[in-house]
């Protein structure tokens, strides 16, 4: 998540999104990809309603993954420019996920033996699809600051940023604002918004988990998608050298914080393993999940429910 003008919005999303997710995933119980996507989108919409009710300023990007350990499914959802990268390869041996394992530490091929791909899509106002959506809804893109913006914001999809969503976006529709310096509605001259200019409709990706997988979630503080891919490969190399996910996430955060153009940076690393039988290893001695987050003080393993995730978030 990333702040676009209001810490209260970012804090609210961080503290309450998982509660809405739990509600929509369990009532009725989601059990397939379509139902998972629907539950996630409903949770995002519910958070936006809360932000409107509390009249919070600013906005927040979102990047999240939902993992079904029974069906070996991963569902990614994102809004804005935070990153989700996914890397996987076939397991080398039953012990290949243990830090002390020779197979893990001495695989030889390093991160290049893993398939690394971006699951998230950056929602920039001037990307062709987003530009068309915004203009069809009655908005316009401006470059007054040197980069593409809707009004005063540089993300075309986010939670919050309610001044660019209905009904607020139309409060000044039709008024001559030329003499009001700094007032940017995001609307094209003479237009009324027919849809939200900044949307809360998430982008989704779905993957089936096979063998070992590493997931990196990061705010835009790590840089562009290319730089986030580099961070993912560094995370793989760290994991293969015997480091825990928490240590890797902390090292990546420190690395990015030392950059000349450093922005607020959060990195979360998750390592998973799937048995050849096609189910998640829960009861065996084999490691099935390792989660590391920059600044975290504790870690949970082999717990897949949203309630467990909520406890993990509260421990941060």
C-alpha atoms as a PDB file:
ATOM      1  CA  UNK A   1       0.000   0.000   0.000  1.00  0.00           C
ATOM      2  CA  UNK A   2       1.155   3.517  -0.632  1.00  0.00           C
ATOM      3  CA  UNK A   3       0.001   6.911   0.477  1.00  0.00           C
ATOM      4  CA  UNK A   4      -1.240   9.413  -2.131  1.00  0.00           C
ATOM      5  CA  UNK A   5      -2.004  12.252   0.244  1.00  0.00           C
ATOM      6  CA  UNK A   6      -3.660  10.858   3.373  1.00  0.00           C
ATOM      7  CA  UNK A   7      -2.054   8.698   6.062  1.00  0.00           C
ATOM      8  CA  UNK A   8      -5.451   8.080   7.616  1.00  0.00           C
ATOM      9  CA  UNK A   9      -6.596   6.349   4.429  1.00  0.00           C
ATOM     10  CA  UNK A  10      -3.511   4.124   4.247  1.00  0.00           C
ATOM     11  CA  UNK A  11      -3.805   3.230   7.926  1.00  0.00           C
ATOM     12  CA  UNK A  12      -7.494   2.421   7.601  1.00  0.00           C
ATOM     13  CA  UNK A  13      -6.926   0.159   4.605  1.00  0.00           C
ATOM     14  CA  UNK A  14      -4.084  -1.662   6.378  1.00  0.00           C
ATOM     15  CA  UNK A  15      -6.171  -2.200   9.512  1.00  0.00           C
ATOM     16  CA  UNK A  16      -9.568  -3.074   8.005  1.00  0.00           C
ATOM     17  CA  UNK A  17      -9.218  -4.591   4.522  1.00  0.00           C
ATOM     18  CA  UNK A  18      -8.567  -8.072   5.945  1.00  0.00           C
ATOM     19  CA  UNK A  19     -11.760  -7.851   8.031  1.00  0.00           C
ATOM     20  CA  UNK A  20     -13.859  -7.225   4.930  1.00  0.00           C
ATOM     21  CA  UNK A  21     -11.967  -9.991   3.102  1.00  0.00           C
ATOM     22  CA  UNK A  22     -12.787 -12.460   5.855  1.00  0.00           C
ATOM     23  CA  UNK A  23     -16.457 -11.490   5.704  1.00  0.00           C
ATOM     24  CA  UNK A  24     -16.830 -11.843   1.939  1.00  0.00           C
ATOM     25  CA  UNK A  25     -14.737 -15.008   1.690  1.00  0.00           C
ATOM     26  CA  UNK A  26     -16.740 -16.815   4.355  1.00  0.00           C
ATOM     27  CA  UNK A  27     -20.337 -15.654   3.779  1.00  0.00           C
ATOM     28  CA  UNK A  28     -21.037 -17.417   1.497  1.00  0.00           C
ATOM     29  CA  UNK A  29     -17.870 -19.492   1.537  1.00  0.00           C
ATOM     30  CA  UNK A  30     -15.770 -18.879  -1.563  1.00  0.00           C
ATOM     31  CA  UNK A  31     -14.298 -22.011  -3.146  1.00  0.00           C
ATOM     32  CA  UNK A  32     -13.307 -21.249  -6.738  1.00  0.00           C
ATOM     33  CA  UNK A  33     -11.482 -18.569  -8.706  1.00  0.00           C
ATOM     34  CA  UNK A  34     -14.599 -16.615  -9.705  1.00  0.00           C
ATOM     35  CA  UNK A  35     -15.864 -16.553  -6.113  1.00  0.00           C
ATOM     36  CA  UNK A  36     -12.461 -15.519  -4.786  1.00  0.00           C
ATOM     37  CA  UNK A  37     -12.265 -12.627  -7.246  1.00  0.00           C
ATOM     38  CA  UNK A  38     -15.805 -11.550  -6.375  1.00  0.00           C
ATOM     39  CA  UNK A  39     -15.048 -11.623  -2.636  1.00  0.00           C
ATOM     40  CA  UNK A  40     -11.860  -9.585  -3.053  1.00  0.00           C
ATOM     41  CA  UNK A  41     -13.607  -6.962  -5.184  1.00  0.00           C
ATOM     42  CA  UNK A  42     -16.487  -6.726  -2.714  1.00  0.00           C
ATOM     43  CA  UNK A  43     -13.996  -6.191   0.113  1.00  0.00           C
ATOM     44  CA  UNK A  44     -12.249  -3.397  -1.801  1.00  0.00           C
ATOM     45  CA  UNK A  45     -15.580  -1.715  -2.544  1.00  0.00           C
ATOM     46  CA  UNK A  46     -16.602  -2.019   1.110  1.00  0.00           C
ATOM     47  CA  UNK A  47     -13.397  -0.295   2.224  1.00  0.00           C
ATOM     48  CA  UNK A  48     -14.093   2.560  -0.199  1.00  0.00           C
ATOM     49  CA  UNK A  49     -17.558   2.959   1.322  1.00  0.00           C
ATOM     50  CA  UNK A  50     -15.963   3.176   4.760  1.00  0.00           C
ATOM     51  CA  UNK A  51     -13.490   5.812   3.581  1.00  0.00           C
ATOM     52  CA  UNK A  52     -16.350   7.840   2.146  1.00  0.00           C
ATOM     53  CA  UNK A  53     -18.365   7.546   5.352  1.00  0.00           C
ATOM     54  CA  UNK A  54     -15.429   8.721   7.489  1.00  0.00           C
ATOM     55  CA  UNK A  55     -14.517  11.422   4.945  1.00  0.00           C
ATOM     56  CA  UNK A  56     -10.856  10.399   4.819  1.00  0.00           C
ATOM     57  CA  UNK A  57      -8.513  12.226   2.466  1.00  0.00           C
ATOM     58  CA  UNK A  58      -5.955  10.761   0.099  1.00  0.00           C
ATOM     59  CA  UNK A  59      -5.686   7.326  -1.397  1.00  0.00           C
ATOM     60  CA  UNK A  60      -3.937   3.993  -1.123  1.00  0.00           C
ATOM     61  CA  UNK A  61      -2.671   1.518  -3.666  1.00  0.00           C
ATOM     62  CA  UNK A  62      -3.248  -2.171  -2.912  1.00  0.00           C
ATOM     63  CA  UNK A  63      -1.343  -5.332  -3.719  1.00  0.00           C
ATOM     64  CA  UNK A  64      -2.495  -8.631  -2.260  1.00  0.00           C
ATOM     65  CA  UNK A  65      -2.421 -12.364  -2.874  1.00  0.00           C
ATOM     66  CA  UNK A  66      -4.910 -14.979  -1.728  1.00  0.00           C
ATOM     67  CA  UNK A  67      -3.583 -18.539  -1.505  1.00  0.00           C
ATOM     68  CA  UNK A  68      -5.845 -21.611  -1.477  1.00  0.00           C
ATOM     69  CA  UNK A  69      -3.590 -24.315  -0.021  1.00  0.00           C
ATOM     70  CA  UNK A  70      -6.038 -27.135  -0.800  1.00  0.00           C
ATOM     71  CA  UNK A  71      -6.384 -26.366  -4.506  1.00  0.00           C
ATOM     72  CA  UNK A  72      -2.877 -24.879  -4.894  1.00  0.00           C
ATOM     73  CA  UNK A  73      -4.332 -21.662  -6.276  1.00  0.00           C
ATOM     74  CA  UNK A  74      -2.892 -18.179  -6.048  1.00  0.00           C
ATOM     75  CA  UNK A  75      -5.108 -15.170  -6.816  1.00  0.00           C
ATOM     76  CA  UNK A  76      -3.412 -11.779  -7.099  1.00  0.00           C
ATOM     77  CA  UNK A  77      -5.215  -8.425  -6.994  1.00  0.00           C
ATOM     78  CA  UNK A  78      -3.788  -4.933  -7.264  1.00  0.00           C
ATOM     79  CA  UNK A  79      -4.698  -1.271  -7.576  1.00  0.00           C
ATOM     80  CA  UNK A  80      -2.136   1.381  -8.490  1.00  0.00           C
ATOM     81  CA  UNK A  81       1.619   0.922  -8.798  1.00  0.00           C
ATOM     82  CA  UNK A  82       2.582  -1.464  -5.996  1.00  0.00           C
ATOM     83  CA  UNK A  83       4.199  -4.680  -7.215  1.00  0.00           C
ATOM     84  CA  UNK A  84       3.437  -8.391  -7.018  1.00  0.00           C
ATOM     85  CA  UNK A  85       6.050 -10.729  -8.514  1.00  0.00           C
ATOM     86  CA  UNK A  86       5.797 -14.504  -8.687  1.00  0.00           C
ATOM     87  CA  UNK A  87       8.668 -16.959  -9.145  1.00  0.00           C
ATOM     88  CA  UNK A  88       8.494 -20.740  -9.295  1.00  0.00           C
ATOM     89  CA  UNK A  89      10.307 -23.882 -10.354  1.00  0.00           C
ATOM     90  CA  UNK A  90       9.992 -27.629  -9.837  1.00  0.00           C
ATOM     91  CA  UNK A  91      11.156 -28.993  -6.470  1.00  0.00           C
ATOM     92  CA  UNK A  92      14.679 -30.420  -6.413  1.00  0.00           C
ATOM     93  CA  UNK A  93      14.190 -32.804  -3.486  1.00  0.00           C
ATOM     94  CA  UNK A  94      11.839 -33.394  -0.536  1.00  0.00           C
ATOM     95  CA  UNK A  95      14.193 -31.344   1.664  1.00  0.00           C
ATOM     96  CA  UNK A  96      14.875 -28.537  -0.805  1.00  0.00           C
ATOM     97  CA  UNK A  97      13.090 -25.875   1.225  1.00  0.00           C
ATOM     98  CA  UNK A  98      15.117 -26.278   4.394  1.00  0.00           C
ATOM     99  CA  UNK A  99      17.689 -23.482   4.930  1.00  0.00           C
ATOM    100  CA  UNK A 100      20.416 -26.040   5.689  1.00  0.00           C
ATOM    101  CA  UNK A 101      19.586 -28.150   2.628  1.00  0.00           C
ATOM    102  CA  UNK A 102      22.556 -28.597   0.216  1.00  0.00           C
ATOM    103  CA  UNK A 103      20.050 -28.743  -2.650  1.00  0.00           C
ATOM    104  CA  UNK A 104      18.690 -25.331  -1.756  1.00  0.00           C
ATOM    105  CA  UNK A 105      21.999 -23.643  -1.044  1.00  0.00           C
ATOM    106  CA  UNK A 106      24.006 -25.191  -3.866  1.00  0.00           C
ATOM    107  CA  UNK A 107      21.502 -25.349  -6.738  1.00  0.00           C
ATOM    108  CA  UNK A 108      24.111 -23.772  -8.995  1.00  0.00           C
ATOM    109  CA  UNK A 109      21.827 -22.029 -11.462  1.00  0.00           C
ATOM    110  CA  UNK A 110      20.773 -19.329  -8.993  1.00  0.00           C
ATOM    111  CA  UNK A 111      17.705 -17.207  -9.703  1.00  0.00           C
ATOM    112  CA  UNK A 112      17.969 -17.858 -13.453  1.00  0.00           C
ATOM    113  CA  UNK A 113      16.604 -21.373 -12.919  1.00  0.00           C
ATOM    114  CA  UNK A 114      13.361 -19.830 -11.685  1.00  0.00           C
ATOM    115  CA  UNK A 115      10.580 -18.438 -13.835  1.00  0.00           C
ATOM    116  CA  UNK A 116       9.982 -14.851 -12.635  1.00  0.00           C
ATOM    117  CA  UNK A 117       6.961 -12.841 -13.771  1.00  0.00           C
ATOM    118  CA  UNK A 118       5.007  -9.766 -12.771  1.00  0.00           C
ATOM    119  CA  UNK A 119       1.447 -10.524 -11.698  1.00  0.00           C
ATOM    120  CA  UNK A 120       0.524  -6.904 -11.005  1.00  0.00           C
ATOM    121  CA  UNK A 121      -0.230  -4.240 -13.607  1.00  0.00           C
ATOM    122  CA  UNK A 122       0.628  -0.590 -13.056  1.00  0.00           C
ATOM    123  CA  UNK A 123      -2.430   1.643 -13.302  1.00  0.00           C
ATOM    124  CA  UNK A 124      -1.051   4.829 -14.848  1.00  0.00           C
ATOM    125  CA  UNK A 125      -3.505   7.413 -16.224  1.00  0.00           C
ATOM    126  CA  UNK A 126      -1.779   7.572 -19.618  1.00  0.00           C
ATOM    127  CA  UNK A 127      -1.641   3.832 -20.301  1.00  0.00           C
ATOM    128  CA  UNK A 128      -3.824   3.221 -23.381  1.00  0.00           C
ATOM    129  CA  UNK A 129      -6.578   1.255 -21.637  1.00  0.00           C
ATOM    130  CA  UNK A 130      -6.756   3.560 -18.640  1.00  0.00           C
ATOM    131  CA  UNK A 131      -6.676   6.734 -20.745  1.00  0.00           C
ATOM    132  CA  UNK A 132      -9.591   5.468 -22.828  1.00  0.00           C
ATOM    133  CA  UNK A 133     -11.550   4.438 -19.716  1.00  0.00           C
ATOM    134  CA  UNK A 134     -11.022   7.835 -18.072  1.00  0.00           C
ATOM    135  CA  UNK A 135     -11.937   9.838 -21.164  1.00  0.00           C
ATOM    136  CA  UNK A 136     -15.007   7.673 -21.858  1.00  0.00           C
ATOM    137  CA  UNK A 137     -16.111   8.410 -18.260  1.00  0.00           C
ATOM    138  CA  UNK A 138     -15.840  12.195 -18.812  1.00  0.00           C
ATOM    139  CA  UNK A 139     -12.346  12.766 -17.434  1.00  0.00           C
ATOM    140  CA  UNK A 140      -9.112  14.044 -18.912  1.00  0.00           C
ATOM    141  CA  UNK A 141      -5.402  13.484 -18.368  1.00  0.00           C
ATOM    142  CA  UNK A 142      -3.215  16.491 -17.532  1.00  0.00           C
ATOM    143  CA  UNK A 143       0.565  16.867 -17.605  1.00  0.00           C
ATOM    144  CA  UNK A 144       0.864  20.085 -15.606  1.00  0.00           C
ATOM    145  CA  UNK A 145       3.410  18.528 -13.232  1.00  0.00           C
ATOM    146  CA  UNK A 146       5.325  16.778 -15.993  1.00  0.00           C
ATOM    147  CA  UNK A 147       3.700  13.390 -15.442  1.00  0.00           C
ATOM    148  CA  UNK A 148       0.248  12.095 -16.315  1.00  0.00           C
ATOM    149  CA  UNK A 149      -2.380  12.829 -13.672  1.00  0.00           C
ATOM    150  CA  UNK A 150      -6.113  12.734 -13.106  1.00  0.00           C
ATOM    151  CA  UNK A 151      -6.627  16.054 -11.388  1.00  0.00           C
ATOM    152  CA  UNK A 152      -3.890  15.947  -8.765  1.00  0.00           C
ATOM    153  CA  UNK A 153      -3.275  12.191  -8.522  1.00  0.00           C
ATOM    154  CA  UNK A 154      -0.918  10.037 -10.587  1.00  0.00           C
ATOM    155  CA  UNK A 155      -2.698   6.695 -10.109  1.00  0.00           C
ATOM    156  CA  UNK A 156      -5.804   5.791 -12.087  1.00  0.00           C
ATOM    157  CA  UNK A 157      -6.890   2.985  -9.718  1.00  0.00           C
ATOM    158  CA  UNK A 158      -6.756   3.132  -5.934  1.00  0.00           C
ATOM    159  CA  UNK A 159      -8.779   2.974  -2.753  1.00  0.00           C
ATOM    160  CA  UNK A 160      -9.817   6.399  -1.533  1.00  0.00           C
ATOM    161  CA  UNK A 161      -9.066   9.465  -3.710  1.00  0.00           C
ATOM    162  CA  UNK A 162     -12.786  10.064  -3.371  1.00  0.00           C
ATOM    163  CA  UNK A 163     -12.760  13.477  -5.025  1.00  0.00           C
ATOM    164  CA  UNK A 164     -12.259  11.625  -8.312  1.00  0.00           C
ATOM    165  CA  UNK A 165     -15.069   9.154  -7.714  1.00  0.00           C
ATOM    166  CA  UNK A 166     -18.816   9.515  -7.944  1.00  0.00           C
ATOM    167  CA  UNK A 167     -20.650  11.353  -6.552  1.00  0.00           C
ATOM    168  CA  UNK A 168     -17.990  13.795  -5.288  1.00  0.00           C
ATOM    169  CA  UNK A 169     -16.263  14.192  -8.647  1.00  0.00           C
ATOM    170  CA  UNK A 170     -19.343  15.893 -10.095  1.00  0.00           C
ATOM    171  CA  UNK A 171     -19.732  18.549  -7.398  1.00  0.00           C
ATOM    172  CA  UNK A 172     -17.935  21.152  -9.538  1.00  0.00           C
ATOM    173  CA  UNK A 173     -19.009  19.825 -12.922  1.00  0.00           C
ATOM    174  CA  UNK A 174     -20.047  22.611 -15.283  1.00  0.00           C
ATOM    175  CA  UNK A 175     -18.398  25.387 -13.270  1.00  0.00           C
ATOM    176  CA  UNK A 176     -15.698  27.659 -14.688  1.00  0.00           C
ATOM    177  CA  UNK A 177     -12.641  26.936 -12.552  1.00  0.00           C
ATOM    178  CA  UNK A 178     -10.098  28.786 -14.665  1.00  0.00           C
ATOM    179  CA  UNK A 179      -9.577  31.482 -12.013  1.00  0.00           C
ATOM    180  CA  UNK A 180      -9.146  28.950  -9.153  1.00  0.00           C
ATOM    181  CA  UNK A 181      -5.449  28.129  -9.067  1.00  0.00           C
ATOM    182  CA  UNK A 182      -4.698  24.555  -7.971  1.00  0.00           C
ATOM    183  CA  UNK A 183      -8.270  23.243  -8.314  1.00  0.00           C
ATOM    184  CA  UNK A 184      -8.208  20.137 -10.496  1.00  0.00           C
ATOM    185  CA  UNK A 185     -11.367  18.042 -10.760  1.00  0.00           C
ATOM    186  CA  UNK A 186     -10.088  15.555 -13.322  1.00  0.00           C
ATOM    187  CA  UNK A 187     -13.120  16.286 -15.485  1.00  0.00           C
ATOM    188  CA  UNK A 188     -12.873  17.340 -19.124  1.00  0.00           C
ATOM    189  CA  UNK A 189     -14.343  20.833 -19.807  1.00  0.00           C
ATOM    190  CA  UNK A 190     -18.138  20.724 -19.844  1.00  0.00           C
ATOM    191  CA  UNK A 191     -18.245  17.041 -18.854  1.00  0.00           C
ATOM    192  CA  UNK A 192     -19.940  15.177 -16.024  1.00  0.00           C
ATOM    193  CA  UNK A 193     -18.431  11.902 -14.863  1.00  0.00           C
ATOM    194  CA  UNK A 194     -20.466   8.830 -15.761  1.00  0.00           C
ATOM    195  CA  UNK A 195     -18.097   6.494 -13.894  1.00  0.00           C
ATOM    196  CA  UNK A 196     -15.364   6.839 -11.278  1.00  0.00           C
ATOM    197  CA  UNK A 197     -12.287   8.497 -12.775  1.00  0.00           C
ATOM    198  CA  UNK A 198     -10.065   6.808 -10.187  1.00  0.00           C
ATOM    199  CA  UNK A 199     -11.409   3.264 -10.107  1.00  0.00           C
ATOM    200  CA  UNK A 200     -11.402   0.681  -7.322  1.00  0.00           C
ATOM    201  CA  UNK A 201     -11.835  -2.202  -9.794  1.00  0.00           C
ATOM    202  CA  UNK A 202      -8.816  -4.426  -9.262  1.00  0.00           C
ATOM    203  CA  UNK A 203      -6.609  -6.168 -11.782  1.00  0.00           C
ATOM    204  CA  UNK A 204      -6.471  -9.933 -11.149  1.00  0.00           C
ATOM    205  CA  UNK A 205      -3.989 -12.673 -12.000  1.00  0.00           C
ATOM    206  CA  UNK A 206      -4.361 -16.389 -11.226  1.00  0.00           C
ATOM    207  CA  UNK A 207      -1.654 -19.041 -10.987  1.00  0.00           C
ATOM    208  CA  UNK A 208      -1.558 -22.721 -10.073  1.00  0.00           C
ATOM    209  CA  UNK A 209       1.190 -23.550  -7.593  1.00  0.00           C
ATOM    210  CA  UNK A 210       3.671 -26.291  -8.503  1.00  0.00           C
ATOM    211  CA  UNK A 211       6.832 -27.095  -6.588  1.00  0.00           C
ATOM    212  CA  UNK A 212       8.590 -24.189  -4.924  1.00  0.00           C
ATOM    213  CA  UNK A 213       7.264 -20.645  -5.282  1.00  0.00           C
ATOM    214  CA  UNK A 214       8.454 -17.267  -4.072  1.00  0.00           C
ATOM    215  CA  UNK A 215       6.160 -14.243  -3.980  1.00  0.00           C
ATOM    216  CA  UNK A 216       7.368 -10.689  -3.552  1.00  0.00           C
ATOM    217  CA  UNK A 217       4.925  -7.890  -2.701  1.00  0.00           C
ATOM    218  CA  UNK A 218       6.366  -4.403  -2.590  1.00  0.00           C
ATOM    219  CA  UNK A 219       5.340  -0.781  -2.566  1.00  0.00           C
ATOM    220  CA  UNK A 220       6.513   1.510  -5.358  1.00  0.00           C
ATOM    221  CA  UNK A 221       9.405   2.484  -3.095  1.00  0.00           C
ATOM    222  CA  UNK A 222      11.429  -0.328  -4.707  1.00  0.00           C
ATOM    223  CA  UNK A 223      11.130   1.496  -8.041  1.00  0.00           C
ATOM    224  CA  UNK A 224       9.789   0.378 -11.410  1.00  0.00           C
ATOM    225  CA  UNK A 225       8.604  -3.100 -12.395  1.00  0.00           C
ATOM    226  CA  UNK A 226      12.083  -3.832 -13.754  1.00  0.00           C
ATOM    227  CA  UNK A 227      13.623  -2.953 -10.397  1.00  0.00           C
ATOM    228  CA  UNK A 228      10.990  -5.023  -8.573  1.00  0.00           C
ATOM    229  CA  UNK A 229      11.942  -7.989 -10.764  1.00  0.00           C
ATOM    230  CA  UNK A 230      15.565  -7.457  -9.752  1.00  0.00           C
ATOM    231  CA  UNK A 231      14.483  -7.475  -6.101  1.00  0.00           C
ATOM    232  CA  UNK A 232      12.641 -10.759  -6.713  1.00  0.00           C
ATOM    233  CA  UNK A 233      15.767 -12.374  -8.166  1.00  0.00           C
ATOM    234  CA  UNK A 234      17.801 -11.115  -5.210  1.00  0.00           C
ATOM    235  CA  UNK A 235      15.180 -12.639  -2.899  1.00  0.00           C
ATOM    236  CA  UNK A 236      15.530 -15.990  -4.684  1.00  0.00           C
ATOM    237  CA  UNK A 237      19.314 -15.886  -4.363  1.00  0.00           C
ATOM    238  CA  UNK A 238      18.991 -15.019  -0.684  1.00  0.00           C
ATOM    239  CA  UNK A 239      16.592 -17.887  -0.122  1.00  0.00           C
ATOM    240  CA  UNK A 240      18.840 -20.370  -1.920  1.00  0.00           C
ATOM    241  CA  UNK A 241      21.810 -19.231   0.147  1.00  0.00           C
ATOM    242  CA  UNK A 242      19.984 -20.191   3.359  1.00  0.00           C
ATOM    243  CA  UNK A 243      18.405 -16.925   4.499  1.00  0.00           C
ATOM    244  CA  UNK A 244      14.920 -16.745   5.995  1.00  0.00           C
ATOM    245  CA  UNK A 245      12.167 -14.744   4.282  1.00  0.00           C
ATOM    246  CA  UNK A 246      12.119 -12.156   7.085  1.00  0.00           C
ATOM    247  CA  UNK A 247      15.848 -11.516   6.722  1.00  0.00           C
ATOM    248  CA  UNK A 248      15.530 -11.213   2.954  1.00  0.00           C
ATOM    249  CA  UNK A 249      12.676  -8.690   3.213  1.00  0.00           C
ATOM    250  CA  UNK A 250      14.657  -6.593   5.695  1.00  0.00           C
ATOM    251  CA  UNK A 251      17.762  -6.619   3.488  1.00  0.00           C
ATOM    252  CA  UNK A 252      15.788  -5.583   0.403  1.00  0.00           C
ATOM    253  CA  UNK A 253      14.123  -2.763   2.305  1.00  0.00           C
ATOM    254  CA  UNK A 254      17.457  -1.472   3.586  1.00  0.00           C
ATOM    255  CA  UNK A 255      18.884  -1.721   0.073  1.00  0.00           C
ATOM    256  CA  UNK A 256      16.105   0.373  -1.434  1.00  0.00           C
ATOM    257  CA  UNK A 257      16.128   2.866   1.451  1.00  0.00           C
ATOM    258  CA  UNK A 258      19.775   3.618   0.716  1.00  0.00           C
ATOM    259  CA  UNK A 259      19.047   4.624  -2.877  1.00  0.00           C
ATOM    260  CA  UNK A 260      19.379   8.299  -3.819  1.00  0.00           C
ATOM    261  CA  UNK A 261      15.718   8.437  -4.908  1.00  0.00           C
ATOM    262  CA  UNK A 262      14.412   6.430  -1.957  1.00  0.00           C
ATOM    263  CA  UNK A 263      10.666   6.561  -1.288  1.00  0.00           C
ATOM    264  CA  UNK A 264       8.627   4.880   1.450  1.00  0.00           C
ATOM    265  CA  UNK A 265       9.343   1.188   0.975  1.00  0.00           C
ATOM    266  CA  UNK A 266       7.645  -1.968   2.228  1.00  0.00           C
ATOM    267  CA  UNK A 267       8.665  -5.453   1.081  1.00  0.00           C
ATOM    268  CA  UNK A 268       6.963  -8.745   1.896  1.00  0.00           C
ATOM    269  CA  UNK A 269       8.469 -12.094   0.855  1.00  0.00           C
ATOM    270  CA  UNK A 270       6.523 -15.375   0.939  1.00  0.00           C
ATOM    271  CA  UNK A 271       8.037 -18.770   0.125  1.00  0.00           C
ATOM    272  CA  UNK A 272       5.754 -21.743  -0.543  1.00  0.00           C
ATOM    273  CA  UNK A 273       6.172 -25.398  -1.443  1.00  0.00           C
ATOM    274  CA  UNK A 274       3.714 -27.849  -2.993  1.00  0.00           C
ATOM    275  CA  UNK A 275       4.015 -31.621  -2.708  1.00  0.00           C
ATOM    276  CA  UNK A 276       4.069 -33.698  -5.863  1.00  0.00           C
ATOM    277  CA  UNK A 277       0.678 -35.103  -4.838  1.00  0.00           C
ATOM    278  CA  UNK A 278      -0.814 -31.710  -5.567  1.00  0.00           C
ATOM    279  CA  UNK A 279      -1.615 -30.643  -2.027  1.00  0.00           C
ATOM    280  CA  UNK A 280       0.069 -28.348   0.472  1.00  0.00           C
ATOM    281  CA  UNK A 281       2.386 -29.956   3.001  1.00  0.00           C
ATOM    282  CA  UNK A 282       0.874 -29.017   6.379  1.00  0.00           C
ATOM    283  CA  UNK A 283       1.551 -31.826   8.818  1.00  0.00           C
ATOM    284  CA  UNK A 284       4.929 -33.094   7.623  1.00  0.00           C
ATOM    285  CA  UNK A 285       8.250 -31.741   8.817  1.00  0.00           C
ATOM    286  CA  UNK A 286       8.708 -30.087   5.464  1.00  0.00           C
ATOM    287  CA  UNK A 287       8.432 -26.297   5.392  1.00  0.00           C
ATOM    288  CA  UNK A 288       5.272 -25.238   3.541  1.00  0.00           C
ATOM    289  CA  UNK A 289       5.193 -21.481   4.103  1.00  0.00           C
ATOM    290  CA  UNK A 290       7.670 -18.853   5.223  1.00  0.00           C
ATOM    291  CA  UNK A 291       6.612 -15.213   5.441  1.00  0.00           C
ATOM    292  CA  UNK A 292       8.912 -12.283   5.948  1.00  0.00           C
ATOM    293  CA  UNK A 293       8.028  -8.603   6.101  1.00  0.00           C
ATOM    294  CA  UNK A 294      10.236  -5.559   6.603  1.00  0.00           C
ATOM    295  CA  UNK A 295       9.970  -4.406  10.190  1.00  0.00           C
ATOM    296  CA  UNK A 296       8.054  -7.462  11.334  1.00  0.00           C
ATOM    297  CA  UNK A 297       8.682  -8.814  14.792  1.00  0.00           C
ATOM    298  CA  UNK A 298       7.300 -12.297  14.339  1.00  0.00           C
ATOM    299  CA  UNK A 299       6.376 -14.798  11.699  1.00  0.00           C
ATOM    300  CA  UNK A 300       3.634 -17.403  11.182  1.00  0.00           C
ATOM    301  CA  UNK A 301       4.004 -20.659   9.246  1.00  0.00           C
ATOM    302  CA  UNK A 302       1.554 -23.293   7.960  1.00  0.00           C
ATOM    303  CA  UNK A 303      -1.518 -21.211   8.726  1.00  0.00           C
ATOM    304  CA  UNK A 304      -3.718 -20.541   5.737  1.00  0.00           C
ATOM    305  CA  UNK A 305      -6.977 -19.064   7.028  1.00  0.00           C
ATOM    306  CA  UNK A 306      -7.870 -15.393   6.798  1.00  0.00           C
ATOM    307  CA  UNK A 307      -8.298 -15.384  10.585  1.00  0.00           C
ATOM    308  CA  UNK A 308      -4.674 -16.471  10.932  1.00  0.00           C
ATOM    309  CA  UNK A 309      -3.607 -13.813   8.455  1.00  0.00           C
ATOM    310  CA  UNK A 310      -5.518 -11.226  10.488  1.00  0.00           C
ATOM    311  CA  UNK A 311      -3.609 -12.289  13.622  1.00  0.00           C
ATOM    312  CA  UNK A 312      -0.343 -12.044  11.684  1.00  0.00           C
ATOM    313  CA  UNK A 313      -1.155  -8.524  10.503  1.00  0.00           C
ATOM    314  CA  UNK A 314      -2.062  -7.454  14.034  1.00  0.00           C
ATOM    315  CA  UNK A 315       1.342  -8.624  15.229  1.00  0.00           C
ATOM    316  CA  UNK A 316       3.125  -6.153  12.937  1.00  0.00           C
END
